[in-house]
Amino acid sequence: MLWLGGAVANPGAVVEKTVSQLDVAGTLAAQTLGQNMYFPFSKNIFDSTAKPWAFFTFNNGFGFVQPDKYFLFDNVSKQVMEQQGQLNEADIQAGKALQQWFYHDYITK
């Protein structure tokens, strides 16, 4: 993604960490307003304390990406259908928890 213009507080910065499109809101708010605003599913990509990850859903499953690994999880068969890197049970549980959090937020609004 390429960001240009006066609203960019860190001109010339190159971010090489794992982020997602969800992080655009949190990052732009921090860049334009000069403060970290709360967006439940977004993080400021320039925040050095933010953990690098990305999450996405698809029909009957989800994907969870971290800097050195990723996996796709099928909700029907309840198993990992594709992966790269060394996964552990905590990775799978983190992905499931994110999916539950996203869906709970959607359903309760």
PDB file of N, CA and C in Angstrom:
ATOM      1  N   MET A   1       0.861  -1.155   0.000  1.00  0.00           N
ATOM      2  CA  MET A   1       0.000   0.000   0.000  1.00  0.00           C
ATOM      3  C   MET A   1       0.911   1.222   0.000  1.00  0.00           C
ATOM      4  N   LEU A   2       0.555   2.217  -0.755  1.00  0.00           N
ATOM      5  CA  LEU A   2       1.332   3.441  -0.842  1.00  0.00           C
ATOM      6  C   LEU A   2       0.478   4.593  -0.349  1.00  0.00           C
ATOM      7  N   TRP A   3       0.954   5.313   0.665  1.00  0.00           N
ATOM      8  CA  TRP A   3       0.230   6.458   1.218  1.00  0.00           C
ATOM      9  C   TRP A   3       1.022   7.718   0.926  1.00  0.00           C
ATOM     10  N   LEU A   4       0.330   8.716   0.384  1.00  0.00           N
ATOM     11  CA  LEU A   4       0.963   9.983   0.048  1.00  0.00           C
ATOM     12  C   LEU A   4       0.145  11.128   0.610  1.00  0.00           C
ATOM     13  N   GLY A   5       0.772  12.281   0.827  1.00  0.00           N
ATOM     14  CA  GLY A   5       0.019  13.460   1.217  1.00  0.00           C
ATOM     15  C   GLY A   5       0.410  13.992   2.572  1.00  0.00           C
ATOM     16  N   GLY A   6      -0.156  15.134   2.901  1.00  0.00           N
ATOM     17  CA  GLY A   6       0.151  15.831   4.138  1.00  0.00           C
ATOM     18  C   GLY A   6      -0.296  15.127   5.394  1.00  0.00           C
ATOM     19  N   ALA A   7      -1.235  14.207   5.288  1.00  0.00           N
ATOM     20  CA  ALA A   7      -1.729  13.507   6.475  1.00  0.00           C
ATOM     21  C   ALA A   7      -0.760  12.446   6.968  1.00  0.00           C
ATOM     22  N   VAL A   8       0.260  12.123   6.183  1.00  0.00           N
ATOM     23  CA  VAL A   8       1.211  11.095   6.573  1.00  0.00           C
ATOM     24  C   VAL A   8       2.257  11.704   7.502  1.00  0.00           C
ATOM     25  N   ALA A   9       2.253  11.271   8.737  1.00  0.00           N
ATOM     26  CA  ALA A   9       3.151  11.831   9.746  1.00  0.00           C
ATOM     27  C   ALA A   9       4.574  11.290   9.635  1.00  0.00           C
ATOM     28  N   ASN A  10       4.754  10.134   9.005  1.00  0.00           N
ATOM     29  CA  ASN A  10       6.067   9.518   8.874  1.00  0.00           C
ATOM     30  C   ASN A  10       6.448   9.388   7.408  1.00  0.00           C
ATOM     31  N   PRO A  11       6.739  10.508   6.722  1.00  0.00           N
ATOM     32  CA  PRO A  11       7.057  10.411   5.297  1.00  0.00           C
ATOM     33  C   PRO A  11       8.310   9.566   5.070  1.00  0.00           C
ATOM     34  N   GLY A  12       8.268   8.752   4.042  1.00  0.00           N
ATOM     35  CA  GLY A  12       9.405   7.903   3.711  1.00  0.00           C
ATOM     36  C   GLY A  12       9.489   6.618   4.504  1.00  0.00           C
ATOM     37  N   ALA A  13       8.570   6.396   5.416  1.00  0.00           N
ATOM     38  CA  ALA A  13       8.605   5.177   6.230  1.00  0.00           C
ATOM     39  C   ALA A  13       8.204   3.969   5.397  1.00  0.00           C
ATOM     40  N   VAL A  14       8.864   2.884   5.630  1.00  0.00           N
ATOM     41  CA  VAL A  14       8.531   1.617   5.000  1.00  0.00           C
ATOM     42  C   VAL A  14       8.183   0.643   6.125  1.00  0.00           C
ATOM     43  N   VAL A  15       6.992   0.102   6.074  1.00  0.00           N
ATOM     44  CA  VAL A  15       6.547  -0.840   7.094  1.00  0.00           C
ATOM     45  C   VAL A  15       6.627  -2.236   6.497  1.00  0.00           C
ATOM     46  N   GLU A  16       7.439  -3.072   7.106  1.00  0.00           N
ATOM     47  CA  GLU A  16       7.619  -4.431   6.603  1.00  0.00           C
ATOM     48  C   GLU A  16       7.154  -5.453   7.632  1.00  0.00           C
ATOM     49  N   LYS A  17       6.019  -5.163   8.266  1.00  0.00           N
ATOM     50  CA  LYS A  17       5.489  -6.134   9.212  1.00  0.00           C
ATOM     51  C   LYS A  17       4.111  -6.581   8.737  1.00  0.00           C
ATOM     52  N   THR A  18       3.653  -7.663   9.319  1.00  0.00           N
ATOM     53  CA  THR A  18       2.378  -8.241   8.923  1.00  0.00           C
ATOM     54  C   THR A  18       1.243  -7.378   9.443  1.00  0.00           C
ATOM     55  N   VAL A  19       0.429  -6.871   8.531  1.00  0.00           N
ATOM     56  CA  VAL A  19      -0.731  -6.046   8.852  1.00  0.00           C
ATOM     57  C   VAL A  19      -1.854  -6.431   7.895  1.00  0.00           C
ATOM     58  N   SER A  20      -3.031  -5.853   8.118  1.00  0.00           N
ATOM     59  CA  SER A  20      -4.139  -6.142   7.215  1.00  0.00           C
ATOM     60  C   SER A  20      -4.887  -4.862   6.868  1.00  0.00           C
ATOM     61  N   GLN A  21      -5.826  -4.984   5.965  1.00  0.00           N
ATOM     62  CA  GLN A  21      -6.630  -3.824   5.562  1.00  0.00           C
ATOM     63  C   GLN A  21      -7.423  -3.270   6.735  1.00  0.00           C
ATOM     64  N   LEU A  22      -7.706  -4.085   7.723  1.00  0.00           N
ATOM     65  CA  LEU A  22      -8.408  -3.606   8.910  1.00  0.00           C
ATOM     66  C   LEU A  22      -7.604  -2.542   9.652  1.00  0.00           C
ATOM     67  N   ASP A  23      -6.296  -2.565   9.485  1.00  0.00           N
ATOM     68  CA  ASP A  23      -5.432  -1.641  10.204  1.00  0.00           C
ATOM     69  C   ASP A  23      -5.384  -0.242   9.588  1.00  0.00           C
ATOM     70  N   VAL A  24      -6.015  -0.059   8.460  1.00  0.00           N
ATOM     71  CA  VAL A  24      -6.025   1.261   7.817  1.00  0.00           C
ATOM     72  C   VAL A  24      -6.706   2.294   8.717  1.00  0.00           C
ATOM     73  N   ALA A  25      -7.839   1.967   9.307  1.00  0.00           N
ATOM     74  CA  ALA A  25      -8.583   2.931  10.136  1.00  0.00           C
ATOM     75  C   ALA A  25      -7.760   3.395  11.327  1.00  0.00           C
ATOM     76  N   GLY A  26      -7.214   2.471  12.084  1.00  0.00           N
ATOM     77  CA  GLY A  26      -6.437   2.825  13.261  1.00  0.00           C
ATOM     78  C   GLY A  26      -5.183   3.613  12.915  1.00  0.00           C
ATOM     79  N   THR A  27      -4.543   3.244  11.810  1.00  0.00           N
ATOM     80  CA  THR A  27      -3.325   3.936  11.403  1.00  0.00           C
ATOM     81  C   THR A  27      -3.617   5.344  10.914  1.00  0.00           C
ATOM     82  N   LEU A  28      -4.631   5.491  10.072  1.00  0.00           N
ATOM     83  CA  LEU A  28      -4.966   6.824   9.567  1.00  0.00           C
ATOM     84  C   LEU A  28      -5.429   7.749  10.680  1.00  0.00           C
ATOM     85  N   ALA A  29      -6.176   7.233  11.637  1.00  0.00           N
ATOM     86  CA  ALA A  29      -6.611   8.055  12.769  1.00  0.00           C
ATOM     87  C   ALA A  29      -5.404   8.546  13.554  1.00  0.00           C
ATOM     88  N   ALA A  30      -4.445   7.671  13.778  1.00  0.00           N
ATOM     89  CA  ALA A  30      -3.249   8.065  14.517  1.00  0.00           C
ATOM     90  C   ALA A  30      -2.426   9.074  13.712  1.00  0.00           C
ATOM     91  N   GLN A  31      -2.384   8.910  12.389  1.00  0.00           N
ATOM     92  CA  GLN A  31      -1.611   9.812  11.548  1.00  0.00           C
ATOM     93  C   GLN A  31      -2.259  11.190  11.442  1.00  0.00           C
ATOM     94  N   THR A  32      -3.558  11.225  11.294  1.00  0.00           N
ATOM     95  CA  THR A  32      -4.235  12.502  11.060  1.00  0.00           C
ATOM     96  C   THR A  32      -4.606  13.229  12.345  1.00  0.00           C
ATOM     97  N   LEU A  33      -4.919  12.484  13.396  1.00  0.00           N
ATOM     98  CA  LEU A  33      -5.339  13.106  14.653  1.00  0.00           C
ATOM     99  C   LEU A  33      -4.231  13.139  15.700  1.00  0.00           C
ATOM    100  N   GLY A  34      -3.147  12.451  15.410  1.00  0.00           N
ATOM    101  CA  GLY A  34      -2.025  12.438  16.330  1.00  0.00           C
ATOM    102  C   GLY A  34      -2.255  11.648  17.602  1.00  0.00           C
ATOM    103  N   GLN A  35      -3.235  10.788  17.596  1.00  0.00           N
ATOM    104  CA  GLN A  35      -3.495   9.972  18.780  1.00  0.00           C
ATOM    105  C   GLN A  35      -4.018   8.611  18.358  1.00  0.00           C
ATOM    106  N   ASN A  36      -3.837   7.639  19.222  1.00  0.00           N
ATOM    107  CA  ASN A  36      -4.369   6.310  18.955  1.00  0.00           C
ATOM    108  C   ASN A  36      -5.827   6.280  19.385  1.00  0.00           C
ATOM    109  N   MET A  37      -6.708   6.087  18.436  1.00  0.00           N
ATOM    110  CA  MET A  37      -8.134   5.972  18.731  1.00  0.00           C
ATOM    111  C   MET A  37      -8.474   4.496  18.795  1.00  0.00           C
ATOM    112  N   TYR A  38      -9.536   4.189  19.482  1.00  0.00           N
ATOM    113  CA  TYR A  38      -9.933   2.797  19.631  1.00  0.00           C
ATOM    114  C   TYR A  38     -10.799   2.355  18.453  1.00  0.00           C
ATOM    115  N   PHE A  39     -10.272   1.455  17.690  1.00  0.00           N
ATOM    116  CA  PHE A  39     -11.020   0.736  16.670  1.00  0.00           C
ATOM    117  C   PHE A  39     -10.851  -0.736  17.047  1.00  0.00           C
ATOM    118  N   PRO A  40     -11.921  -1.409  17.401  1.00  0.00           N
ATOM    119  CA  PRO A  40     -11.794  -2.751  17.970  1.00  0.00           C
ATOM    120  C   PRO A  40     -10.973  -3.728  17.137  1.00  0.00           C
ATOM    121  N   PHE A  41     -11.022  -3.609  15.828  1.00  0.00           N
ATOM    122  CA  PHE A  41     -10.357  -4.594  14.982  1.00  0.00           C
ATOM    123  C   PHE A  41      -9.191  -4.008  14.203  1.00  0.00           C
ATOM    124  N   SER A  42      -8.701  -2.867  14.630  1.00  0.00           N
ATOM    125  CA  SER A  42      -7.664  -2.179  13.883  1.00  0.00           C
ATOM    126  C   SER A  42      -6.534  -1.758  14.805  1.00  0.00           C
ATOM    127  N   LYS A  43      -5.329  -1.755  14.264  1.00  0.00           N
ATOM    128  CA  LYS A  43      -4.185  -1.281  15.032  1.00  0.00           C
ATOM    129  C   LYS A  43      -3.399  -0.277  14.192  1.00  0.00           C
ATOM    130  N   ASN A  44      -2.671   0.583  14.874  1.00  0.00           N
ATOM    131  CA  ASN A  44      -1.806   1.549  14.215  1.00  0.00           C
ATOM    132  C   ASN A  44      -0.535   0.812  13.801  1.00  0.00           C
ATOM    133  N   ILE A  45      -0.276   0.703  12.519  1.00  0.00           N
ATOM    134  CA  ILE A  45       0.878  -0.074  12.057  1.00  0.00           C
ATOM    135  C   ILE A  45       2.206   0.568  12.443  1.00  0.00           C
ATOM    136  N   PHE A  46       2.198   1.857  12.811  1.00  0.00           N
ATOM    137  CA  PHE A  46       3.423   2.520  13.244  1.00  0.00           C
ATOM    138  C   PHE A  46       3.659   2.376  14.745  1.00  0.00           C
ATOM    139  N   ASP A  47       2.740   1.756  15.451  1.00  0.00           N
ATOM    140  CA  ASP A  47       2.882   1.528  16.889  1.00  0.00           C
ATOM    141  C   ASP A  47       3.815   0.339  17.094  1.00  0.00           C
ATOM    142  N   SER A  48       4.977   0.596  17.679  1.00  0.00           N
ATOM    143  CA  SER A  48       5.971  -0.472  17.846  1.00  0.00           C
ATOM    144  C   SER A  48       5.525  -1.545  18.826  1.00  0.00           C
ATOM    145  N   THR A  49       4.501  -1.278  19.636  1.00  0.00           N
ATOM    146  CA  THR A  49       4.028  -2.284  20.591  1.00  0.00           C
ATOM    147  C   THR A  49       2.914  -3.163  20.011  1.00  0.00           C
ATOM    148  N   ALA A  50       2.408  -2.803  18.830  1.00  0.00           N
ATOM    149  CA  ALA A  50       1.327  -3.591  18.202  1.00  0.00           C
ATOM    150  C   ALA A  50       1.891  -4.907  17.678  1.00  0.00           C
ATOM    151  N   LYS A  51       1.215  -5.990  17.978  1.00  0.00           N
ATOM    152  CA  LYS A  51       1.655  -7.299  17.504  1.00  0.00           C
ATOM    153  C   LYS A  51       1.355  -7.432  16.004  1.00  0.00           C
ATOM    154  N   PRO A  52       2.293  -7.966  15.240  1.00  0.00           N
ATOM    155  CA  PRO A  52       2.099  -8.097  13.790  1.00  0.00           C
ATOM    156  C   PRO A  52       1.296  -9.346  13.431  1.00  0.00           C
ATOM    157  N   TRP A  53       0.064  -9.152  12.994  1.00  0.00           N
ATOM    158  CA  TRP A  53      -0.771 -10.260  12.557  1.00  0.00           C
ATOM    159  C   TRP A  53      -1.843  -9.747  11.609  1.00  0.00           C
ATOM    160  N   ALA A  54      -2.432 -10.644  10.878  1.00  0.00           N
ATOM    161  CA  ALA A  54      -3.559 -10.331  10.000  1.00  0.00           C
ATOM    162  C   ALA A  54      -4.549 -11.488  10.090  1.00  0.00           C
ATOM    163  N   PHE A  55      -5.811 -11.157   9.974  1.00  0.00           N
ATOM    164  CA  PHE A  55      -6.883 -12.145  10.086  1.00  0.00           C
ATOM    165  C   PHE A  55      -7.885 -11.876   8.977  1.00  0.00           C
ATOM    166  N   PHE A  56      -8.421 -12.925   8.392  1.00  0.00           N
ATOM    167  CA  PHE A  56      -9.472 -12.772   7.392  1.00  0.00           C
ATOM    168  C   PHE A  56     -10.403 -13.977   7.450  1.00  0.00           C
ATOM    169  N   THR A  57     -11.624 -13.759   7.015  1.00  0.00           N
ATOM    170  CA  THR A  57     -12.581 -14.855   6.969  1.00  0.00           C
ATOM    171  C   THR A  57     -12.965 -15.140   5.527  1.00  0.00           C
ATOM    172  N   PHE A  58     -13.451 -16.324   5.303  1.00  0.00           N
ATOM    173  CA  PHE A  58     -14.001 -16.726   4.016  1.00  0.00           C
ATOM    174  C   PHE A  58     -15.145 -17.680   4.306  1.00  0.00           C
ATOM    175  N   ASN A  59     -15.837 -18.105   3.290  1.00  0.00           N
ATOM    176  CA  ASN A  59     -16.987 -18.980   3.467  1.00  0.00           C
ATOM    177  C   ASN A  59     -16.587 -20.236   4.246  1.00  0.00           C
ATOM    178  N   ASN A  60     -17.119 -20.372   5.456  1.00  0.00           N
ATOM    179  CA  ASN A  60     -16.885 -21.526   6.325  1.00  0.00           C
ATOM    180  C   ASN A  60     -15.444 -21.685   6.792  1.00  0.00           C
ATOM    181  N   GLY A  61     -14.744 -20.563   6.988  1.00  0.00           N
ATOM    182  CA  GLY A  61     -13.390 -20.673   7.508  1.00  0.00           C
ATOM    183  C   GLY A  61     -12.744 -19.327   7.742  1.00  0.00           C
ATOM    184  N   PHE A  62     -11.484 -19.378   8.141  1.00  0.00           N
ATOM    185  CA  PHE A  62     -10.723 -18.152   8.373  1.00  0.00           C
ATOM    186  C   PHE A  62      -9.243 -18.405   8.125  1.00  0.00           C
ATOM    187  N   GLY A  63      -8.511 -17.315   8.001  1.00  0.00           N
ATOM    188  CA  GLY A  63      -7.065 -17.364   7.874  1.00  0.00           C
ATOM    189  C   GLY A  63      -6.432 -16.493   8.929  1.00  0.00           C
ATOM    190  N   PHE A  64      -5.297 -16.909   9.429  1.00  0.00           N
ATOM    191  CA  PHE A  64      -4.557 -16.164  10.442  1.00  0.00           C
ATOM    192  C   PHE A  64      -3.097 -16.128  10.008  1.00  0.00           C
ATOM    193  N   VAL A  65      -2.571 -14.905   9.856  1.00  0.00           N
ATOM    194  CA  VAL A  65      -1.219 -14.712   9.341  1.00  0.00           C
ATOM    195  C   VAL A  65      -0.368 -14.042  10.417  1.00  0.00           C
ATOM    196  N   GLN A  66       0.797 -14.598  10.635  1.00  0.00           N
ATOM    197  CA  GLN A  66       1.794 -14.029  11.539  1.00  0.00           C
ATOM    198  C   GLN A  66       3.099 -13.916  10.745  1.00  0.00           C
ATOM    199  N   PRO A  67       4.080 -13.190  11.241  1.00  0.00           N
ATOM    200  CA  PRO A  67       5.282 -12.955  10.431  1.00  0.00           C
ATOM    201  C   PRO A  67       5.961 -14.209   9.881  1.00  0.00           C
ATOM    202  N   ASP A  68       5.994 -15.284  10.636  1.00  0.00           N
ATOM    203  CA  ASP A  68       6.719 -16.469  10.196  1.00  0.00           C
ATOM    204  C   ASP A  68       5.835 -17.676   9.898  1.00  0.00           C
ATOM    205  N   LYS A  69       4.519 -17.466   9.888  1.00  0.00           N
ATOM    206  CA  LYS A  69       3.617 -18.593   9.641  1.00  0.00           C
ATOM    207  C   LYS A  69       2.217 -18.098   9.311  1.00  0.00           C
ATOM    208  N   TYR A  70       1.455 -18.978   8.708  1.00  0.00           N
ATOM    209  CA  TYR A  70       0.036 -18.703   8.468  1.00  0.00           C
ATOM    210  C   TYR A  70      -0.699 -20.023   8.382  1.00  0.00           C
ATOM    211  N   PHE A  71      -2.013 -19.935   8.533  1.00  0.00           N
ATOM    212  CA  PHE A  71      -2.832 -21.119   8.300  1.00  0.00           C
ATOM    213  C   PHE A  71      -4.230 -20.710   7.873  1.00  0.00           C
ATOM    214  N   LEU A  72      -4.873 -21.619   7.168  1.00  0.00           N
ATOM    215  CA  LEU A  72      -6.282 -21.502   6.799  1.00  0.00           C
ATOM    216  C   LEU A  72      -7.014 -22.600   7.552  1.00  0.00           C
ATOM    217  N   PHE A  73      -8.102 -22.236   8.202  1.00  0.00           N
ATOM    218  CA  PHE A  73      -8.849 -23.184   9.022  1.00  0.00           C
ATOM    219  C   PHE A  73     -10.237 -23.363   8.433  1.00  0.00           C
ATOM    220  N   ASP A  74     -10.638 -24.618   8.261  1.00  0.00           N
ATOM    221  CA  ASP A  74     -11.961 -24.955   7.736  1.00  0.00           C
ATOM    222  C   ASP A  74     -12.907 -25.222   8.898  1.00  0.00           C
ATOM    223  N   ASN A  75     -13.958 -24.419   9.016  1.00  0.00           N
ATOM    224  CA  ASN A  75     -14.908 -24.584  10.122  1.00  0.00           C
ATOM    225  C   ASN A  75     -15.788 -25.819   9.980  1.00  0.00           C
ATOM    226  N   VAL A  76     -15.945 -26.324   8.772  1.00  0.00           N
ATOM    227  CA  VAL A  76     -16.787 -27.511   8.569  1.00  0.00           C
ATOM    228  C   VAL A  76     -16.057 -28.759   9.060  1.00  0.00           C
ATOM    229  N   SER A  77     -14.838 -28.960   8.592  1.00  0.00           N
ATOM    230  CA  SER A  77     -14.073 -30.146   9.010  1.00  0.00           C
ATOM    231  C   SER A  77     -13.350 -29.929  10.334  1.00  0.00           C
ATOM    232  N   LYS A  78     -13.345 -28.670  10.792  1.00  0.00           N
ATOM    233  CA  LYS A  78     -12.697 -28.304  12.056  1.00  0.00           C
ATOM    234  C   LYS A  78     -11.221 -28.677  12.081  1.00  0.00           C
ATOM    235  N   GLN A  79     -10.553 -28.356  10.969  1.00  0.00           N
ATOM    236  CA  GLN A  79      -9.126 -28.637  10.893  1.00  0.00           C
ATOM    237  C   GLN A  79      -8.414 -27.636   9.992  1.00  0.00           C
ATOM    238  N   VAL A  80      -7.110 -27.566  10.151  1.00  0.00           N
ATOM    239  CA  VAL A  80      -6.287 -26.710   9.312  1.00  0.00           C
ATOM    240  C   VAL A  80      -6.250 -27.323   7.920  1.00  0.00           C
ATOM    241  N   MET A  81      -6.576 -26.511   6.916  1.00  0.00           N
ATOM    242  CA  MET A  81      -6.596 -27.021   5.552  1.00  0.00           C
ATOM    243  C   MET A  81      -5.363 -26.618   4.751  1.00  0.00           C
ATOM    244  N   GLU A  82      -4.643 -25.603   5.228  1.00  0.00           N
ATOM    245  CA  GLU A  82      -3.384 -25.202   4.602  1.00  0.00           C
ATOM    246  C   GLU A  82      -2.561 -24.480   5.652  1.00  0.00           C
ATOM    247  N   GLN A  83      -1.255 -24.642   5.585  1.00  0.00           N
ATOM    248  CA  GLN A  83      -0.402 -23.952   6.542  1.00  0.00           C
ATOM    249  C   GLN A  83       0.992 -23.778   5.981  1.00  0.00           C
ATOM    250  N   GLN A  84       1.694 -22.824   6.548  1.00  0.00           N
ATOM    251  CA  GLN A  84       3.114 -22.644   6.278  1.00  0.00           C
ATOM    252  C   GLN A  84       3.754 -22.245   7.600  1.00  0.00           C
ATOM    253  N   GLY A  85       4.868 -22.841   7.942  1.00  0.00           N
ATOM    254  CA  GLY A  85       5.541 -22.562   9.205  1.00  0.00           C
ATOM    255  C   GLY A  85       5.072 -23.508  10.293  1.00  0.00           C
ATOM    256  N   GLN A  86       5.715 -23.411  11.442  1.00  0.00           N
ATOM    257  CA  GLN A  86       5.399 -24.266  12.584  1.00  0.00           C
ATOM    258  C   GLN A  86       4.230 -23.696  13.376  1.00  0.00           C
ATOM    259  N   LEU A  87       3.126 -24.405  13.382  1.00  0.00           N
ATOM    260  CA  LEU A  87       1.958 -23.994  14.157  1.00  0.00           C
ATOM    261  C   LEU A  87       1.933 -24.744  15.476  1.00  0.00           C
ATOM    262  N   ASN A  88       1.291 -24.109  16.446  1.00  0.00           N
ATOM    263  CA  ASN A  88       1.024 -24.809  17.694  1.00  0.00           C
ATOM    264  C   ASN A  88      -0.442 -24.563  18.049  1.00  0.00           C
ATOM    265  N   GLU A  89      -0.905 -25.203  19.074  1.00  0.00           N
ATOM    266  CA  GLU A  89      -2.318 -25.109  19.447  1.00  0.00           C
ATOM    267  C   GLU A  89      -2.697 -23.670  19.814  1.00  0.00           C
ATOM    268  N   ALA A  90      -1.764 -22.909  20.374  1.00  0.00           N
ATOM    269  CA  ALA A  90      -2.046 -21.511  20.736  1.00  0.00           C
ATOM    270  C   ALA A  90      -2.341 -20.667  19.498  1.00  0.00           C
ATOM    271  N   ASP A  91      -1.685 -20.947  18.379  1.00  0.00           N
ATOM    272  CA  ASP A  91      -1.956 -20.223  17.128  1.00  0.00           C
ATOM    273  C   ASP A  91      -3.384 -20.489  16.663  1.00  0.00           C
ATOM    274  N   ILE A  92      -3.776 -21.741  16.682  1.00  0.00           N
ATOM    275  CA  ILE A  92      -5.119 -22.117  16.237  1.00  0.00           C
ATOM    276  C   ILE A  92      -6.174 -21.523  17.174  1.00  0.00           C
ATOM    277  N   GLN A  93      -5.925 -21.568  18.471  1.00  0.00           N
ATOM    278  CA  GLN A  93      -6.865 -20.993  19.429  1.00  0.00           C
ATOM    279  C   GLN A  93      -6.970 -19.476  19.261  1.00  0.00           C
ATOM    280  N   ALA A  94      -5.860 -18.812  18.951  1.00  0.00           N
ATOM    281  CA  ALA A  94      -5.896 -17.362  18.719  1.00  0.00           C
ATOM    282  C   ALA A  94      -6.761 -17.041  17.506  1.00  0.00           C
ATOM    283  N   GLY A  95      -6.626 -17.810  16.436  1.00  0.00           N
ATOM    284  CA  GLY A  95      -7.452 -17.606  15.252  1.00  0.00           C
ATOM    285  C   GLY A  95      -8.929 -17.837  15.542  1.00  0.00           C
ATOM    286  N   LYS A  96      -9.231 -18.889  16.280  1.00  0.00           N
ATOM    287  CA  LYS A  96     -10.622 -19.170  16.647  1.00  0.00           C
ATOM    288  C   LYS A  96     -11.191 -18.056  17.528  1.00  0.00           C
ATOM    289  N   ALA A  97     -10.393 -17.567  18.452  1.00  0.00           N
ATOM    290  CA  ALA A  97     -10.852 -16.488  19.337  1.00  0.00           C
ATOM    291  C   ALA A  97     -11.141 -15.220  18.546  1.00  0.00           C
ATOM    292  N   LEU A  98     -10.283 -14.895  17.576  1.00  0.00           N
ATOM    293  CA  LEU A  98     -10.531 -13.718  16.739  1.00  0.00           C
ATOM    294  C   LEU A  98     -11.825 -13.872  15.953  1.00  0.00           C
ATOM    295  N   GLN A  99     -12.033 -15.048  15.375  1.00  0.00           N
ATOM    296  CA  GLN A  99     -13.267 -15.274  14.626  1.00  0.00           C
ATOM    297  C   GLN A  99     -14.479 -15.112  15.539  1.00  0.00           C
ATOM    298  N   GLN A 100     -14.417 -15.662  16.713  1.00  0.00           N
ATOM    299  CA  GLN A 100     -15.532 -15.538  17.661  1.00  0.00           C
ATOM    300  C   GLN A 100     -15.774 -14.076  18.027  1.00  0.00           C
ATOM    301  N   TRP A 101     -14.716 -13.330  18.245  1.00  0.00           N
ATOM    302  CA  TRP A 101     -14.819 -11.916  18.608  1.00  0.00           C
ATOM    303  C   TRP A 101     -15.455 -11.101  17.478  1.00  0.00           C
ATOM    304  N   PHE A 102     -14.993 -11.332  16.246  1.00  0.00           N
ATOM    305  CA  PHE A 102     -15.554 -10.629  15.095  1.00  0.00           C
ATOM    306  C   PHE A 102     -17.038 -10.937  14.919  1.00  0.00           C
ATOM    307  N   TYR A 103     -17.387 -12.197  14.967  1.00  0.00           N
ATOM    308  CA  TYR A 103     -18.784 -12.577  14.771  1.00  0.00           C
ATOM    309  C   TYR A 103     -19.670 -12.101  15.912  1.00  0.00           C
ATOM    310  N   HIS A 104     -19.184 -12.158  17.126  1.00  0.00           N
ATOM    311  CA  HIS A 104     -19.963 -11.673  18.262  1.00  0.00           C
ATOM    312  C   HIS A 104     -20.244 -10.179  18.097  1.00  0.00           C
ATOM    313  N   ASP A 105     -19.233  -9.443  17.687  1.00  0.00           N
ATOM    314  CA  ASP A 105     -19.409  -8.003  17.465  1.00  0.00           C
ATOM    315  C   ASP A 105     -20.460  -7.750  16.383  1.00  0.00           C
ATOM    316  N   TYR A 106     -20.397  -8.505  15.307  1.00  0.00           N
ATOM    317  CA  TYR A 106     -21.348  -8.344  14.201  1.00  0.00           C
ATOM    318  C   TYR A 106     -22.782  -8.664  14.646  1.00  0.00           C
ATOM    319  N   ILE A 107     -22.943  -9.764  15.337  1.00  0.00           N
ATOM    320  CA  ILE A 107     -24.271 -10.222  15.734  1.00  0.00           C
ATOM    321  C   ILE A 107     -24.925  -9.299  16.770  1.00  0.00           C
ATOM    322  N   THR A 108     -24.122  -8.711  17.641  1.00  0.00           N
ATOM    323  CA  THR A 108     -24.686  -7.892  18.706  1.00  0.00           C
ATOM    324  C   THR A 108     -24.938  -6.431  18.299  1.00  0.00           C
ATOM    325  N   LYS A 109     -24.711  -6.093  17.068  1.00  0.00           N
ATOM    326  CA  LYS A 109     -24.953  -4.712  16.624  1.00  0.00           C
ATOM    327  C   LYS A 109     -26.229  -4.601  15.837  1.00  0.00           C
TER     328      LYS A 109
END
